[in-house]
Amino acid sequence: MKVMDIKPPTPRQADSDGHSATFGQHPASPSHWIFMGMKDGGIDFAASVPCINLQELLTMVEADPEIRFVPVTREEEGVGICAGAFLGGLRPALLMQNSGLGNSINALASLDQLYGLPLLMIISHRGSSGEKISGQIPMGRLTAPLLDALGIPSWTPRPQQARSFVAHAAAAAWERGTLAAVLLDLDFWKGI
């Protein structure tokens, strides 16, 4: 997997509202740090299919008046809608489970990559170490190799790194006119 050199945030950091958060002492969830990274990265449009791991994040995104949110039925539908959002002047993110990556490969390659359309993908990485549902494991093993084969840079942060990694991935996508992925494995959701 390709990983960019990124310095994680300091253990004590203020969110965009100026409220401080100390890891281990503040009730901020992993979803909070992803959401703050999206805000820092200028994301103002998001599409997603339902996902249990992304549920809290999706609630935050949907409630934010500065982010236009569109629920979709399939990930490749989200790729197309996000492409349209970008062409309309917005900065989109696609929030999905890694099983949806397999469903969206053609749209990512023949639309976004072909035309140089940037897109931040925030991916709940099921099937990684500790997965209890055996049907998730095959795609879990293939996720990083698929991203590598497509030439999509990806990052796998810990919760305390999520804000800076998400913001950096968004910036990388827009600076290069490319796709960027942030993978959130089971340990991430456990706060490990």
Protein backbone atom coordinates (compact mmCIF):
# COMPACT_ATOMS: atom_id res chain seq x y z
CA MET A 1 0.00 0.00 0.00
CA LYS A 2 1.26 3.48 -0.79
CA VAL A 3 1.51 5.68 2.25
CA MET A 4 2.47 9.33 2.20
CA ASP A 5 4.76 10.73 4.87
CA ILE A 6 2.42 12.62 7.13
CA LYS A 7 3.01 13.81 10.64
CA PRO A 8 0.12 12.82 12.89
CA PRO A 9 -1.61 15.59 14.82
CA THR A 10 -0.30 16.42 18.25
CA PRO A 11 -2.05 14.72 21.18
CA ARG A 12 -3.78 18.00 22.03
CA GLN A 13 -5.38 19.88 19.18
CA ALA A 14 -8.24 22.35 18.85
CA ASP A 15 -11.05 21.59 16.46
CA SER A 16 -12.24 24.22 13.98
CA ASP A 17 -14.62 25.67 16.56
CA GLY A 18 -11.69 26.31 18.91
CA HIS A 19 -12.69 23.59 21.38
CA SER A 20 -9.74 21.61 22.62
CA ALA A 21 -9.73 17.84 22.62
CA THR A 22 -7.28 15.67 24.50
CA PHE A 23 -7.21 12.06 23.41
CA GLY A 24 -8.18 9.76 26.23
CA GLN A 25 -9.87 12.60 28.14
CA HIS A 26 -12.33 13.94 25.56
CA PRO A 27 -15.34 11.93 24.45
CA ALA A 28 -14.60 12.64 20.77
CA SER A 29 -15.19 9.51 18.72
CA PRO A 30 -13.18 8.29 15.73
CA SER A 31 -16.03 9.63 13.56
CA HIS A 32 -15.52 13.11 15.03
CA TRP A 33 -11.90 13.18 13.86
CA ILE A 34 -12.83 12.01 10.35
CA PHE A 35 -15.55 14.67 10.20
CA MET A 36 -13.12 17.40 11.33
CA GLY A 37 -10.63 16.23 8.68
CA MET A 38 -13.35 16.50 6.05
CA LYS A 39 -14.11 20.05 7.20
CA ASP A 40 -10.39 20.95 7.24
CA GLY A 41 -10.08 19.47 3.73
CA GLY A 42 -12.86 21.69 2.41
CA ILE A 43 -15.32 18.87 1.69
CA ASP A 44 -18.69 20.43 0.92
CA PHE A 45 -20.43 17.51 -0.78
CA ALA A 46 -20.73 13.86 0.26
CA ALA A 47 -22.45 10.77 -1.08
CA SER A 48 -22.76 7.45 0.70
CA VAL A 49 -24.51 4.15 0.98
CA PRO A 50 -25.45 3.02 4.51
CA CYS A 51 -22.65 1.42 6.55
CA ILE A 52 -22.78 0.46 10.23
CA ASN A 53 -19.21 1.68 10.86
CA LEU A 54 -19.86 5.01 9.11
CA GLN A 55 -23.28 5.53 10.75
CA GLU A 56 -22.15 8.17 13.27
CA LEU A 57 -20.09 10.00 10.65
CA LEU A 58 -23.00 9.97 8.20
CA THR A 59 -25.23 11.51 10.88
CA MET A 60 -22.69 14.32 11.38
CA VAL A 61 -22.33 14.92 7.64
CA GLU A 62 -26.07 14.92 7.04
CA ALA A 63 -26.63 17.41 9.89
CA ASP A 64 -23.96 19.87 8.68
CA PRO A 65 -25.55 22.70 6.66
CA GLU A 66 -22.21 23.34 4.88
CA ILE A 67 -22.07 19.83 3.39
CA ARG A 68 -24.58 18.74 0.77
CA PHE A 69 -25.32 15.07 1.40
CA VAL A 70 -26.79 12.62 -1.10
CA PRO A 71 -27.59 9.05 -0.05
CA VAL A 72 -27.04 6.59 -2.90
CA THR A 73 -28.03 2.99 -3.54
CA ARG A 74 -24.72 1.80 -5.04
CA GLU A 75 -21.16 3.06 -4.80
CA GLU A 76 -20.68 3.50 -8.54
CA GLU A 77 -23.76 5.73 -8.50
CA GLY A 78 -21.96 7.79 -5.86
CA VAL A 79 -18.86 8.02 -8.06
CA GLY A 80 -20.95 9.54 -10.87
CA ILE A 81 -22.82 11.92 -8.58
CA CYS A 82 -19.56 13.06 -6.97
CA ALA A 83 -18.09 13.66 -10.45
CA GLY A 84 -21.06 15.89 -11.24
CA ALA A 85 -20.67 17.69 -7.92
CA PHE A 86 -17.00 18.39 -8.70
CA LEU A 87 -17.86 19.67 -12.18
CA GLY A 88 -20.43 21.91 -10.49
CA GLY A 89 -17.71 23.49 -8.34
CA LEU A 90 -17.97 21.38 -5.17
CA ARG A 91 -15.37 19.29 -3.30
CA PRO A 92 -16.88 15.81 -2.97
CA ALA A 93 -16.20 12.82 -0.77
CA LEU A 94 -17.58 9.32 -1.22
CA LEU A 95 -18.12 7.47 2.06
CA MET A 96 -18.37 3.72 1.58
CA GLN A 97 -17.47 0.25 2.75
CA ASN A 98 -14.59 -1.50 0.98
CA SER A 99 -16.98 -4.05 -0.54
CA GLY A 100 -18.30 -1.09 -2.55
CA LEU A 101 -14.82 -0.42 -3.91
CA GLY A 102 -15.15 -3.60 -5.96
CA ASN A 103 -18.52 -2.41 -7.26
CA SER A 104 -17.14 0.98 -8.32
CA ILE A 105 -13.82 0.14 -10.01
CA ASN A 106 -15.08 0.71 -13.57
CA ALA A 107 -16.62 4.08 -12.70
CA LEU A 108 -13.47 5.17 -10.84
CA ALA A 109 -11.20 4.20 -13.76
CA SER A 110 -13.36 5.20 -16.74
CA LEU A 111 -14.73 8.43 -15.28
CA ASP A 112 -12.62 9.93 -12.50
CA GLN A 113 -9.20 8.70 -13.59
CA LEU A 114 -9.82 9.14 -17.31
CA TYR A 115 -10.91 12.77 -16.91
CA GLY A 116 -8.73 13.70 -13.93
CA LEU A 117 -11.63 14.29 -11.54
CA PRO A 118 -10.52 14.45 -7.91
CA LEU A 119 -12.41 12.47 -5.30
CA LEU A 120 -11.77 11.71 -1.64
CA MET A 121 -12.93 8.23 -0.68
CA ILE A 122 -13.41 7.46 2.99
CA ILE A 123 -13.60 3.70 3.17
CA SER A 124 -14.67 1.52 6.08
CA HIS A 125 -12.25 -1.40 5.65
CA ARG A 126 -14.10 -4.57 6.61
CA GLY A 127 -12.43 -7.98 6.41
CA SER A 128 -9.24 -6.84 8.09
CA SER A 129 -7.71 -8.41 11.20
CA GLY A 130 -10.39 -9.35 13.74
CA GLU A 131 -13.27 -9.53 11.24
CA LYS A 132 -16.01 -11.87 12.48
CA ILE A 133 -18.02 -12.07 9.24
CA SER A 134 -16.22 -14.48 6.92
CA GLY A 135 -17.88 -13.03 3.81
CA GLN A 136 -16.04 -9.74 4.41
CA ILE A 137 -12.56 -11.30 4.48
CA PRO A 138 -11.90 -11.84 0.72
CA MET A 139 -12.55 -8.19 -0.18
CA GLY A 140 -10.72 -7.14 2.97
CA ARG A 141 -7.59 -8.83 1.65
CA LEU A 142 -8.03 -7.35 -1.83
CA THR A 143 -8.75 -3.73 -0.90
CA ALA A 144 -5.17 -2.42 -0.62
CA PRO A 145 -3.94 -4.36 -3.69
CA LEU A 146 -6.89 -3.02 -5.74
CA LEU A 147 -6.10 0.56 -4.71
CA ASP A 148 -2.44 -0.01 -5.58
CA ALA A 149 -3.33 -1.55 -8.97
CA LEU A 150 -5.49 1.49 -9.73
CA GLY A 151 -2.70 3.86 -8.65
CA ILE A 152 -4.86 5.35 -5.90
CA PRO A 153 -2.84 6.60 -2.92
CA SER A 154 -4.26 5.49 0.40
CA TRP A 155 -3.76 6.17 4.07
CA THR A 156 -4.70 4.05 7.10
CA PRO A 157 -4.75 6.32 10.16
CA ARG A 158 -5.30 5.60 13.82
CA PRO A 159 -8.11 7.69 15.39
CA GLN A 160 -5.75 10.39 16.67
CA GLN A 161 -4.29 10.73 13.15
CA ALA A 162 -7.59 10.75 11.26
CA ARG A 163 -8.13 14.50 11.17
CA SER A 164 -4.77 15.31 9.60
CA PHE A 165 -4.75 12.25 7.31
CA VAL A 166 -8.23 12.98 5.91
CA ALA A 167 -7.39 16.66 5.35
CA HIS A 168 -4.09 15.69 3.67
CA ALA A 169 -5.78 13.09 1.45
CA ALA A 170 -8.37 15.67 0.35
CA ALA A 171 -5.62 18.19 -0.44
CA ALA A 172 -3.66 15.55 -2.37
CA ALA A 173 -6.73 14.69 -4.47
CA TRP A 174 -7.37 18.32 -5.41
CA GLU A 175 -3.74 19.26 -5.99
CA ARG A 176 -3.17 16.28 -8.30
CA GLY A 177 -6.63 15.94 -9.87
CA THR A 178 -6.80 12.34 -8.74
CA LEU A 179 -8.45 9.89 -6.40
CA ALA A 180 -7.36 9.47 -2.79
CA ALA A 181 -8.54 6.94 -0.21
CA VAL A 182 -8.54 6.82 3.57
CA LEU A 183 -8.99 3.26 4.86
CA LEU A 184 -10.57 2.83 8.28
CA ASP A 185 -10.04 -0.71 9.57
CA LEU A 186 -11.70 -2.46 12.52
CA ASP A 187 -9.02 -1.28 14.97
CA PHE A 188 -9.76 2.30 13.94
CA TRP A 189 -13.42 1.93 14.90
CA LYS A 190 -12.42 0.37 18.23
CA GLY A 191 -10.31 3.44 18.94
CA ILE A 192 -7.04 1.48 18.88
